[in-house]
Structure formats: C-alpha cells, structure tokens
Amino acid sequence: MEELYQGSWDADIERFRAPYVFRGMGAQNLLSPSLMRLAEGHEEIARLETHLLRNFRKYAHADAAAGDSVWNWMALAAHHGLPTRLLDWTYSPLVALHFATENLAAYDCDAVIWCVNHRETNRRLPAELRGVADQEGSDVFTVDMLTNVASSIEKLESLSNDDFVVFLEPPSLDERIVNQFALFSLMSTPAKPLDEWLATHSDLSRRIILPAELKWEVRDKLDQAGITERMLFPGLDGLSAWLSRYYTPKTNPSGRYFGEDPTRNVRPRTGLNGRPGPLGLDR
C-alpha cells in the first residue's frame, strides 16, 4: 500500500490525491496495445486500424455509440474487444492489483503495476491539447474535449512531429467501466508502444514489482476487501469468474500449485526479466 500510494499527498489542498493512473499486469510488463500485437509483422498498421474501425462502425448497431466521434467509436470498440491503439488504465491502485493477480495460472511469475503521472504527461502534449486541458482544469480528456481539437485520427497525428500520449476517459458505456474507474491511454501513433515512450521520459512513471510468492496474500486480501470479478464485471459472467477463482484450491491433491506445468517437480519462480526480484520499485 505504501508503494502504491507513494506521492499521493497534495500539499496545495492538503488531501491525498494521487496524480497517477495504474495498470496491473500478471506476468509480462510491456505496454503494447492490442492493435500492435495483431499487426505484428504487418507493415501498414495505420491501414489495418482504419479497416478495423470502419468495419466495426459498419456492422455495429446504429445506436451503439452516442454521437459520431471517432474517439467514441474507438473506445466502444476497445471496450468490446476490438484491437485498437488504446490501453486500459484505472484510477484505482486496488483495481490494478486485481488485474495483476486475477490469473492463477500466472502465479509462478512476478506481476507488475505500472504507475504513470498523467498530470506530467500533459506537459508533453502539443500546445492545442495542453491549452484545452488547462482551460478545463482537467488532467484527462473526455471524448468531447479531444474531438474539439482533433476530430480525426489524422488530425491528432498531425498536431506534433513528436510522439505524445493522451489519457482519455471513455463514456460510461456500462457498469464495468464505472466500477473499474477506467480510462484509456492513446498514443499519437499506432506503431509506438507506450513503454518505449515512457523510457525516454523516465520521470513520468514507475513500476512496482509484485513477487510471485506474494500473489496469494494480495489476492486473498483483495477478495476480502471486495475487489473481485463480481464487482468489476457486474453480471453472471463476472459472478461465475469470481466463484471459479475463489474456490480454486492453492494446491491440488498432488501438491502442485494451480497453473503449474505438471511435468515439473518444483514450482517455478520467474521474475519479469527471467530472474527473481524483490518487492519494490523498478523505475
């Protein structure tokens, strides 16, 4: 908790208001959006993105999204699993911890929680976008705010010759987005992973490494605090996912850990870089 809430004290207002957004990952630690993973080896990722969005809009119900903004459609598409340049984030460090520990099959690997200072990323925005954020007094963009400056993907990319990242709050499409305190990161180019951009701006982010041997403790405490699939994914699917995980024993009768390769006699312990790592910060 101390690591997650580090830097959350705001002396100006004398309140704990973290300038960070969080992303929890159970094993791998790269910030490559689904569009990049789909387009691996594809030379024209921008053309692929155009095809995906055009056909999503064509076949989706006419009233599936409010308004006609490309960013609204992109958020809706990402919400329903279409590969896009968007990455999921949350304002809640506990929700990020949930996603770092939800997959029991990855309990032999260290997890990572990315923490990005979205107030500081705004300082690297093009002047037009930075001006809108300052005028609204907001650290993140709504669809309307972004559309007023960049009504198309091409317009967004033309705002600067340098890469930049926008944090975008999606419309409250359903309870899932609301309960997860969700928002998206949006890179100005679909071919640039966010982790590569952050590597050139090392003061904007940090990574908290959660060792594999602590995952069960963290998971059990999150369950007791009510941070579960039942809350984050309202409905029968979330309920079933929570119950299935909650009642999975830590070991089965053979003594193997859940998710372990049955051909191995010793439970593996793999860090993010292939070796063990202590709890703490990886800047």
Foldseek 3Di string as FASTA:
>chain_A
DCQLQPPQQDPVVRDRHHLKKKAKAQAADFQAFQLCVVCVVPPCSVVVQVVQLVVCCVPDDVPLFPDDFSVQSQVSCVVVPGTDLKDKIARDPLLNLCNNQLDQLSLLEKMKMKIFRLQVLLVVAQPQLNVLCVVVVHSAAESVSVCVQPRDLVSLLPSDPDKGKGKYQHDCSDQLCVLRNMIIIHISDNNDRPVVVCVVVVVGMKMWIGFSVCSVVSNVVSVVVVSALCRNVPDDVSVVSRVVVVPDDQADPVRDGPNADVVDDDRHHQYNVRDGDDTDIDD
